[in-house]
């Protein structure tokens, strides 16, 4: 089996954004591979452009990618003010690598990251994985309403 590499990118994921770096800081067309991972494995992330991915990474506080060999198979990111509120975003595992503990690995690394670990309240939205996130003490909230403004 090929080597598994978990990368805890620096804030803004500079190496992934500008150089497409993957495991061992080697060029791997990482941004293009991330685009394909999202496009193929998440209905809500289809058709994201490279420029938009660069912007979202630049503004992310925590970015985690998971690689098997030279292929990205998992991804997740978070934004936070570092104390009161944070949001987990774009947690995706390639369908061929699901049920192997990779999603758990990504979420645990996000939750234990320096910027997130002391944040009082963390939010996330999920389409159909409520039971997966319950293992990390995420609970469904019915006392609040989700409101969205779209452009």
N, C-alpha and C. Protein backbone atom coordinates (compact mmCIF):
# COMPACT_ATOMS: atom_id res chain seq x y z
N UNK A 1 0.84 -1.18 0.00
CA UNK A 1 0.00 0.00 0.00
C UNK A 1 0.89 1.25 0.00
N UNK A 2 0.42 2.27 -0.69
CA UNK A 2 1.18 3.51 -0.77
C UNK A 2 1.15 4.25 0.56
N UNK A 3 2.12 5.12 0.74
CA UNK A 3 2.25 5.88 1.97
C UNK A 3 1.09 6.86 2.14
N UNK A 4 0.59 6.96 3.37
CA UNK A 4 -0.48 7.91 3.71
C UNK A 4 0.19 9.13 4.36
N UNK A 5 -0.14 10.31 3.86
CA UNK A 5 0.43 11.56 4.38
C UNK A 5 -0.68 12.52 4.74
N UNK A 6 -0.67 12.99 5.99
CA UNK A 6 -1.60 14.03 6.42
C UNK A 6 -0.81 15.33 6.48
N UNK A 7 -1.30 16.34 5.79
CA UNK A 7 -0.61 17.63 5.76
C UNK A 7 -1.44 18.66 6.51
N UNK A 8 -0.83 19.26 7.53
CA UNK A 8 -1.43 20.38 8.25
C UNK A 8 -0.82 21.64 7.63
N UNK A 9 -1.54 22.21 6.70
CA UNK A 9 -1.03 23.37 5.98
C UNK A 9 -0.98 24.58 6.89
N UNK A 10 -0.04 25.48 6.62
CA UNK A 10 -0.01 26.75 7.33
C UNK A 10 -1.25 27.55 6.97
N UNK A 11 -1.61 28.51 7.80
CA UNK A 11 -2.77 29.37 7.52
C UNK A 11 -2.69 29.86 6.08
N UNK A 12 -3.79 29.70 5.36
CA UNK A 12 -3.83 30.13 3.97
C UNK A 12 -3.27 29.14 2.97
N UNK A 13 -2.68 28.04 3.45
CA UNK A 13 -2.18 26.95 2.58
C UNK A 13 -1.35 27.47 1.41
N UNK A 14 -0.37 28.30 1.70
CA UNK A 14 0.45 28.94 0.68
C UNK A 14 1.07 27.95 -0.32
N UNK A 15 1.67 26.87 0.19
CA UNK A 15 2.33 25.90 -0.68
C UNK A 15 1.36 25.19 -1.61
N UNK A 16 0.19 24.87 -1.11
CA UNK A 16 -0.84 24.22 -1.93
C UNK A 16 -1.40 25.22 -2.94
N UNK A 17 -1.65 26.44 -2.50
CA UNK A 17 -2.24 27.47 -3.37
C UNK A 17 -1.36 27.86 -4.54
N UNK A 18 -0.10 28.17 -4.25
CA UNK A 18 0.77 28.73 -5.28
C UNK A 18 1.62 27.70 -6.02
N UNK A 19 1.98 26.62 -5.34
CA UNK A 19 2.90 25.67 -5.94
C UNK A 19 2.32 24.27 -6.11
N UNK A 20 1.09 24.06 -5.63
CA UNK A 20 0.47 22.74 -5.76
C UNK A 20 1.19 21.66 -5.00
N UNK A 21 1.83 22.05 -3.88
CA UNK A 21 2.65 21.09 -3.13
C UNK A 21 1.80 20.01 -2.47
N UNK A 22 2.35 18.82 -2.48
CA UNK A 22 1.73 17.67 -1.82
C UNK A 22 2.66 17.13 -0.75
N UNK A 23 2.67 15.82 -0.56
CA UNK A 23 3.52 15.21 0.47
C UNK A 23 4.99 15.56 0.27
N UNK A 24 5.68 15.72 1.38
CA UNK A 24 7.11 16.03 1.41
C UNK A 24 7.45 17.33 0.68
N UNK A 25 6.48 18.23 0.63
CA UNK A 25 6.65 19.55 -0.01
C UNK A 25 7.09 19.45 -1.46
N UNK A 26 6.63 18.40 -2.13
CA UNK A 26 6.97 18.20 -3.54
C UNK A 26 5.80 18.63 -4.42
N UNK A 27 6.09 19.22 -5.57
CA UNK A 27 5.02 19.60 -6.50
C UNK A 27 4.18 18.38 -6.88
N UNK A 28 2.85 18.54 -6.78
CA UNK A 28 1.96 17.41 -7.06
C UNK A 28 0.69 17.85 -7.77
N UNK A 29 0.69 19.06 -8.33
CA UNK A 29 -0.54 19.59 -8.93
C UNK A 29 -1.69 19.54 -7.92
N UNK A 30 -1.36 19.86 -6.68
CA UNK A 30 -2.29 19.72 -5.57
C UNK A 30 -3.58 20.49 -5.72
N UNK A 31 -3.51 21.70 -6.25
CA UNK A 31 -4.72 22.50 -6.39
C UNK A 31 -5.67 21.89 -7.42
N UNK A 32 -5.13 21.41 -8.50
CA UNK A 32 -5.94 20.75 -9.53
C UNK A 32 -6.54 19.46 -8.98
N UNK A 33 -5.75 18.73 -8.20
CA UNK A 33 -6.24 17.49 -7.61
C UNK A 33 -7.32 17.78 -6.56
N UNK A 34 -7.16 18.87 -5.81
CA UNK A 34 -8.18 19.27 -4.84
C UNK A 34 -9.48 19.60 -5.56
N UNK A 35 -9.37 20.35 -6.65
CA UNK A 35 -10.56 20.70 -7.43
C UNK A 35 -11.29 19.43 -7.89
N UNK A 36 -10.54 18.46 -8.36
CA UNK A 36 -11.14 17.20 -8.83
C UNK A 36 -11.77 16.43 -7.67
N UNK A 37 -11.10 16.38 -6.52
CA UNK A 37 -11.64 15.70 -5.34
C UNK A 37 -13.00 16.29 -4.97
N UNK A 38 -13.06 17.61 -4.89
CA UNK A 38 -14.31 18.27 -4.51
C UNK A 38 -15.38 18.05 -5.58
N UNK A 39 -15.00 18.21 -6.82
CA UNK A 39 -15.95 18.09 -7.93
C UNK A 39 -16.54 16.69 -8.02
N UNK A 40 -15.72 15.69 -7.75
CA UNK A 40 -16.14 14.30 -7.91
C UNK A 40 -16.88 13.75 -6.69
N UNK A 41 -16.58 14.28 -5.50
CA UNK A 41 -17.08 13.65 -4.27
C UNK A 41 -18.02 14.48 -3.43
N UNK A 42 -18.36 15.68 -3.87
CA UNK A 42 -19.26 16.53 -3.08
C UNK A 42 -20.18 17.31 -4.01
N UNK A 43 -21.47 16.96 -3.98
CA UNK A 43 -22.42 17.63 -4.88
C UNK A 43 -22.45 19.14 -4.64
N UNK A 44 -22.22 19.56 -3.41
CA UNK A 44 -22.27 20.99 -3.06
C UNK A 44 -20.98 21.72 -3.42
N UNK A 45 -19.97 21.01 -3.90
CA UNK A 45 -18.69 21.66 -4.22
C UNK A 45 -18.34 21.52 -5.70
N UNK A 46 -19.29 21.16 -6.51
CA UNK A 46 -19.03 20.99 -7.94
C UNK A 46 -18.73 22.33 -8.61
N UNK A 47 -17.86 22.27 -9.60
CA UNK A 47 -17.57 23.42 -10.47
C UNK A 47 -16.88 24.59 -9.77
N UNK A 48 -16.16 24.33 -8.70
CA UNK A 48 -15.36 25.41 -8.09
C UNK A 48 -14.16 25.66 -8.98
N UNK A 49 -13.90 26.92 -9.24
CA UNK A 49 -12.77 27.26 -10.11
C UNK A 49 -11.47 27.27 -9.30
N UNK A 50 -10.37 27.16 -10.00
CA UNK A 50 -9.05 27.23 -9.35
C UNK A 50 -8.89 28.57 -8.64
N UNK A 51 -9.29 29.66 -9.28
CA UNK A 51 -9.16 30.98 -8.64
C UNK A 51 -10.01 31.08 -7.38
N UNK A 52 -11.21 30.54 -7.40
CA UNK A 52 -12.05 30.56 -6.20
C UNK A 52 -11.46 29.68 -5.10
N UNK A 53 -10.91 28.53 -5.47
CA UNK A 53 -10.25 27.68 -4.48
C UNK A 53 -9.07 28.40 -3.84
N UNK A 54 -8.30 29.11 -4.64
CA UNK A 54 -7.18 29.89 -4.10
C UNK A 54 -7.66 30.90 -3.08
N UNK A 55 -8.76 31.58 -3.37
CA UNK A 55 -9.31 32.57 -2.45
C UNK A 55 -9.80 31.93 -1.16
N UNK A 56 -10.51 30.81 -1.28
CA UNK A 56 -11.04 30.18 -0.07
C UNK A 56 -9.90 29.64 0.80
N UNK A 57 -8.86 29.10 0.18
CA UNK A 57 -7.71 28.62 0.96
C UNK A 57 -6.98 29.78 1.62
N UNK A 58 -6.82 30.88 0.88
CA UNK A 58 -6.11 32.05 1.42
C UNK A 58 -6.78 32.58 2.67
N UNK A 59 -8.09 32.42 2.75
CA UNK A 59 -8.84 32.96 3.88
C UNK A 59 -9.22 31.92 4.92
N UNK A 60 -8.64 30.73 4.83
CA UNK A 60 -8.91 29.67 5.79
C UNK A 60 -7.85 29.65 6.88
N UNK A 61 -8.31 29.46 8.11
CA UNK A 61 -7.38 29.44 9.25
C UNK A 61 -6.72 28.07 9.42
N UNK A 62 -7.46 27.02 9.13
CA UNK A 62 -6.96 25.65 9.28
C UNK A 62 -7.25 24.93 7.96
N UNK A 63 -6.23 24.29 7.41
CA UNK A 63 -6.39 23.52 6.17
C UNK A 63 -5.65 22.20 6.35
N UNK A 64 -6.38 21.10 6.13
CA UNK A 64 -5.81 19.76 6.26
C UNK A 64 -6.04 19.02 4.94
N UNK A 65 -5.01 18.36 4.44
CA UNK A 65 -5.21 17.48 3.29
C UNK A 65 -4.62 16.12 3.61
N UNK A 66 -5.21 15.10 3.01
CA UNK A 66 -4.78 13.73 3.24
C UNK A 66 -4.48 13.09 1.89
N UNK A 67 -3.32 12.49 1.81
CA UNK A 67 -2.82 11.95 0.54
C UNK A 67 -2.50 10.47 0.68
N UNK A 68 -2.76 9.72 -0.36
CA UNK A 68 -2.27 8.35 -0.48
C UNK A 68 -1.34 8.39 -1.69
N UNK A 69 -0.06 8.19 -1.41
CA UNK A 69 0.94 8.37 -2.45
C UNK A 69 0.91 9.81 -2.91
N UNK A 70 0.70 10.02 -4.19
CA UNK A 70 0.72 11.36 -4.77
C UNK A 70 -0.69 11.86 -5.10
N UNK A 71 -1.71 11.19 -4.53
CA UNK A 71 -3.10 11.56 -4.80
C UNK A 71 -3.78 12.06 -3.54
N UNK A 72 -4.47 13.20 -3.65
CA UNK A 72 -5.22 13.72 -2.52
C UNK A 72 -6.52 12.92 -2.40
N UNK A 73 -6.77 12.39 -1.21
CA UNK A 73 -7.96 11.57 -0.99
C UNK A 73 -8.87 12.14 0.09
N UNK A 74 -8.42 13.20 0.76
CA UNK A 74 -9.23 13.81 1.79
C UNK A 74 -8.85 15.25 2.02
N UNK A 75 -9.83 16.03 2.52
CA UNK A 75 -9.61 17.46 2.69
C UNK A 75 -10.60 17.99 3.71
N UNK A 76 -10.18 19.03 4.42
CA UNK A 76 -11.06 19.76 5.32
C UNK A 76 -10.43 21.08 5.69
N UNK A 77 -11.28 22.06 6.04
CA UNK A 77 -10.77 23.36 6.44
C UNK A 77 -11.69 23.98 7.47
N UNK A 78 -11.20 25.04 8.12
CA UNK A 78 -12.00 25.73 9.13
C UNK A 78 -11.64 27.21 9.16
N UNK A 79 -12.60 28.00 9.58
CA UNK A 79 -12.41 29.43 9.82
C UNK A 79 -12.81 29.71 11.26
N UNK A 80 -12.14 30.68 11.89
CA UNK A 80 -12.45 30.96 13.29
C UNK A 80 -11.95 32.34 13.69
N UNK A 81 -12.56 32.88 14.76
CA UNK A 81 -12.02 34.08 15.39
C UNK A 81 -11.05 33.69 16.51
N UNK A 82 -10.94 32.39 16.75
CA UNK A 82 -9.97 31.87 17.71
C UNK A 82 -10.46 31.80 19.14
N UNK A 83 -11.66 32.30 19.40
CA UNK A 83 -12.17 32.24 20.77
C UNK A 83 -13.67 31.96 20.86
N UNK A 84 -14.48 32.69 20.12
CA UNK A 84 -15.92 32.54 20.26
C UNK A 84 -16.56 31.59 19.26
N UNK A 85 -16.25 31.77 17.99
CA UNK A 85 -16.93 31.01 16.95
C UNK A 85 -15.97 30.49 15.88
N UNK A 86 -16.31 29.34 15.35
CA UNK A 86 -15.58 28.75 14.24
C UNK A 86 -16.53 27.93 13.39
N UNK A 87 -16.12 27.67 12.17
CA UNK A 87 -16.94 26.88 11.24
C UNK A 87 -16.03 25.89 10.52
N UNK A 88 -16.46 24.64 10.48
CA UNK A 88 -15.78 23.62 9.70
C UNK A 88 -16.41 23.59 8.31
N UNK A 89 -15.56 23.50 7.29
CA UNK A 89 -16.02 23.55 5.91
C UNK A 89 -15.36 22.46 5.08
N UNK A 90 -16.04 22.06 4.04
CA UNK A 90 -15.47 21.27 2.94
C UNK A 90 -14.75 20.00 3.39
N UNK A 91 -15.32 19.28 4.31
CA UNK A 91 -14.71 18.02 4.72
C UNK A 91 -15.17 16.94 3.74
N UNK A 92 -14.20 16.44 2.97
CA UNK A 92 -14.50 15.52 1.88
C UNK A 92 -13.48 14.39 1.86
N UNK A 93 -13.98 13.17 1.69
CA UNK A 93 -13.13 12.00 1.51
C UNK A 93 -13.51 11.37 0.17
N UNK A 94 -12.52 11.05 -0.64
CA UNK A 94 -12.76 10.36 -1.91
C UNK A 94 -13.60 9.12 -1.63
N UNK A 95 -14.61 8.90 -2.45
CA UNK A 95 -15.53 7.77 -2.24
C UNK A 95 -14.81 6.43 -2.19
N UNK A 96 -13.67 6.31 -2.86
CA UNK A 96 -12.92 5.05 -2.84
C UNK A 96 -12.15 4.84 -1.54
N UNK A 97 -12.11 5.86 -0.68
CA UNK A 97 -11.35 5.77 0.57
C UNK A 97 -12.22 6.00 1.80
N UNK A 98 -13.54 6.00 1.62
CA UNK A 98 -14.43 6.18 2.75
C UNK A 98 -14.48 4.92 3.59
N UNK A 99 -14.85 5.10 4.85
CA UNK A 99 -14.96 4.00 5.83
C UNK A 99 -13.60 3.39 6.18
N UNK A 100 -12.54 4.19 6.06
CA UNK A 100 -11.19 3.74 6.42
C UNK A 100 -10.62 4.58 7.56
N UNK A 101 -11.44 5.46 8.14
CA UNK A 101 -10.99 6.31 9.23
C UNK A 101 -10.37 7.63 8.79
N UNK A 102 -10.36 7.90 7.50
CA UNK A 102 -9.73 9.12 7.00
C UNK A 102 -10.50 10.38 7.38
N UNK A 103 -11.84 10.30 7.35
CA UNK A 103 -12.64 11.45 7.76
C UNK A 103 -12.42 11.77 9.23
N UNK A 104 -12.36 10.73 10.04
CA UNK A 104 -12.10 10.90 11.47
C UNK A 104 -10.73 11.56 11.68
N UNK A 105 -9.75 11.13 10.93
CA UNK A 105 -8.40 11.69 11.03
C UNK A 105 -8.41 13.19 10.70
N UNK A 106 -9.10 13.57 9.65
CA UNK A 106 -9.16 14.98 9.26
C UNK A 106 -9.89 15.80 10.31
N UNK A 107 -11.06 15.35 10.77
CA UNK A 107 -11.83 16.12 11.75
C UNK A 107 -11.06 16.24 13.06
N UNK A 108 -10.45 15.16 13.52
CA UNK A 108 -9.68 15.23 14.77
C UNK A 108 -8.53 16.23 14.65
N UNK A 109 -7.87 16.27 13.51
CA UNK A 109 -6.77 17.22 13.33
C UNK A 109 -7.26 18.65 13.25
N UNK A 110 -8.40 18.88 12.66
CA UNK A 110 -8.98 20.23 12.65
C UNK A 110 -9.33 20.64 14.08
N UNK A 111 -10.03 19.76 14.80
CA UNK A 111 -10.48 20.10 16.15
C UNK A 111 -9.33 20.30 17.13
N UNK A 112 -8.21 19.64 16.92
CA UNK A 112 -7.07 19.78 17.83
C UNK A 112 -6.09 20.86 17.39
N UNK A 113 -6.37 21.52 16.26
CA UNK A 113 -5.47 22.56 15.77
C UNK A 113 -5.43 23.75 16.74
N UNK A 114 -4.33 24.44 16.76
CA UNK A 114 -4.12 25.55 17.69
C UNK A 114 -5.22 26.61 17.58
N UNK A 115 -5.63 26.94 16.37
CA UNK A 115 -6.64 27.99 16.17
C UNK A 115 -8.04 27.55 16.57
N UNK A 116 -8.35 26.28 16.51
CA UNK A 116 -9.71 25.79 16.74
C UNK A 116 -9.92 25.24 18.15
N UNK A 117 -8.91 24.62 18.73
CA UNK A 117 -9.12 23.82 19.94
C UNK A 117 -9.73 24.57 21.12
N UNK A 118 -9.55 25.87 21.22
CA UNK A 118 -10.13 26.63 22.34
C UNK A 118 -11.32 27.49 21.93
N UNK A 119 -11.84 27.26 20.73
CA UNK A 119 -13.00 28.02 20.26
C UNK A 119 -14.25 27.49 20.96
N UNK A 120 -15.02 28.41 21.55
CA UNK A 120 -16.15 28.02 22.39
C UNK A 120 -17.28 27.32 21.63
N UNK A 121 -17.57 27.75 20.42
CA UNK A 121 -18.67 27.15 19.67
C UNK A 121 -18.26 26.94 18.22
N UNK A 122 -18.38 25.70 17.77
CA UNK A 122 -18.04 25.35 16.39
C UNK A 122 -19.30 24.94 15.64
N UNK A 123 -19.41 25.44 14.44
CA UNK A 123 -20.55 25.14 13.59
C UNK A 123 -20.10 24.27 12.42
N UNK A 124 -21.03 23.49 11.89
CA UNK A 124 -20.81 22.83 10.62
C UNK A 124 -22.17 22.51 10.03
N UNK A 125 -22.19 22.43 8.72
CA UNK A 125 -23.40 22.03 8.01
C UNK A 125 -23.08 20.72 7.30
N UNK A 126 -24.04 19.83 7.29
CA UNK A 126 -23.84 18.57 6.61
C UNK A 126 -25.13 18.17 5.88
N UNK A 127 -24.96 17.54 4.76
CA UNK A 127 -26.10 17.12 3.97
C UNK A 127 -26.69 15.82 4.51
N UNK A 128 -25.81 14.85 4.81
CA UNK A 128 -26.33 13.55 5.24
C UNK A 128 -25.37 12.78 6.15
N UNK A 129 -24.51 13.48 6.88
CA UNK A 129 -23.52 12.80 7.72
C UNK A 129 -23.65 13.17 9.20
N UNK A 130 -24.89 13.46 9.66
CA UNK A 130 -25.08 13.84 11.06
C UNK A 130 -24.53 12.79 12.02
N UNK A 131 -24.75 11.53 11.73
CA UNK A 131 -24.30 10.48 12.64
C UNK A 131 -22.77 10.43 12.71
N UNK A 132 -22.09 10.71 11.60
CA UNK A 132 -20.63 10.73 11.61
C UNK A 132 -20.12 11.82 12.56
N UNK A 133 -20.68 13.01 12.47
CA UNK A 133 -20.19 14.13 13.29
C UNK A 133 -20.59 14.02 14.75
N UNK A 134 -21.59 13.21 15.07
CA UNK A 134 -21.99 13.06 16.47
C UNK A 134 -20.88 12.44 17.31
N UNK A 135 -19.99 11.66 16.71
CA UNK A 135 -18.88 11.07 17.47
C UNK A 135 -17.90 12.12 17.98
N UNK A 136 -17.98 13.33 17.42
CA UNK A 136 -17.12 14.44 17.86
C UNK A 136 -17.90 15.43 18.71
N UNK A 137 -19.05 15.00 19.21
CA UNK A 137 -19.93 15.80 20.07
C UNK A 137 -20.62 16.96 19.36
N UNK A 138 -20.75 16.89 18.04
CA UNK A 138 -21.59 17.85 17.33
C UNK A 138 -23.03 17.38 17.52
N UNK A 139 -23.89 18.34 17.83
CA UNK A 139 -25.30 18.03 18.08
C UNK A 139 -26.18 18.86 17.16
N UNK A 140 -27.28 18.25 16.76
CA UNK A 140 -28.24 18.98 15.94
C UNK A 140 -28.87 20.07 16.80
N UNK A 141 -29.00 21.26 16.23
CA UNK A 141 -29.59 22.39 16.94
C UNK A 141 -30.93 22.71 16.31
N UNK A 142 -31.96 22.67 17.13
CA UNK A 142 -33.29 23.02 16.62
C UNK A 142 -33.75 24.37 17.16
N UNK A 143 -32.97 24.95 18.09
CA UNK A 143 -33.36 26.22 18.68
C UNK A 143 -32.92 27.43 17.85
N UNK A 144 -32.21 27.17 16.76
CA UNK A 144 -31.77 28.24 15.88
C UNK A 144 -32.21 27.92 14.45
N UNK A 145 -32.32 28.94 13.65
CA UNK A 145 -32.65 28.77 12.24
C UNK A 145 -31.45 29.13 11.40
N UNK A 146 -31.20 28.35 10.38
CA UNK A 146 -30.16 28.65 9.42
C UNK A 146 -30.71 29.61 8.39
N UNK A 147 -30.08 30.75 8.24
CA UNK A 147 -30.48 31.74 7.24
C UNK A 147 -29.33 31.89 6.25
N UNK A 148 -29.65 32.02 4.99
CA UNK A 148 -28.63 32.13 3.96
C UNK A 148 -28.91 33.33 3.07
N UNK A 149 -27.89 34.09 2.79
CA UNK A 149 -27.95 35.18 1.79
C UNK A 149 -27.02 34.77 0.67
N UNK A 150 -27.54 34.60 -0.51
CA UNK A 150 -26.71 34.16 -1.65
C UNK A 150 -26.63 35.25 -2.70
N UNK A 151 -25.45 35.30 -3.36
CA UNK A 151 -25.31 36.25 -4.48
C UNK A 151 -25.05 35.48 -5.75
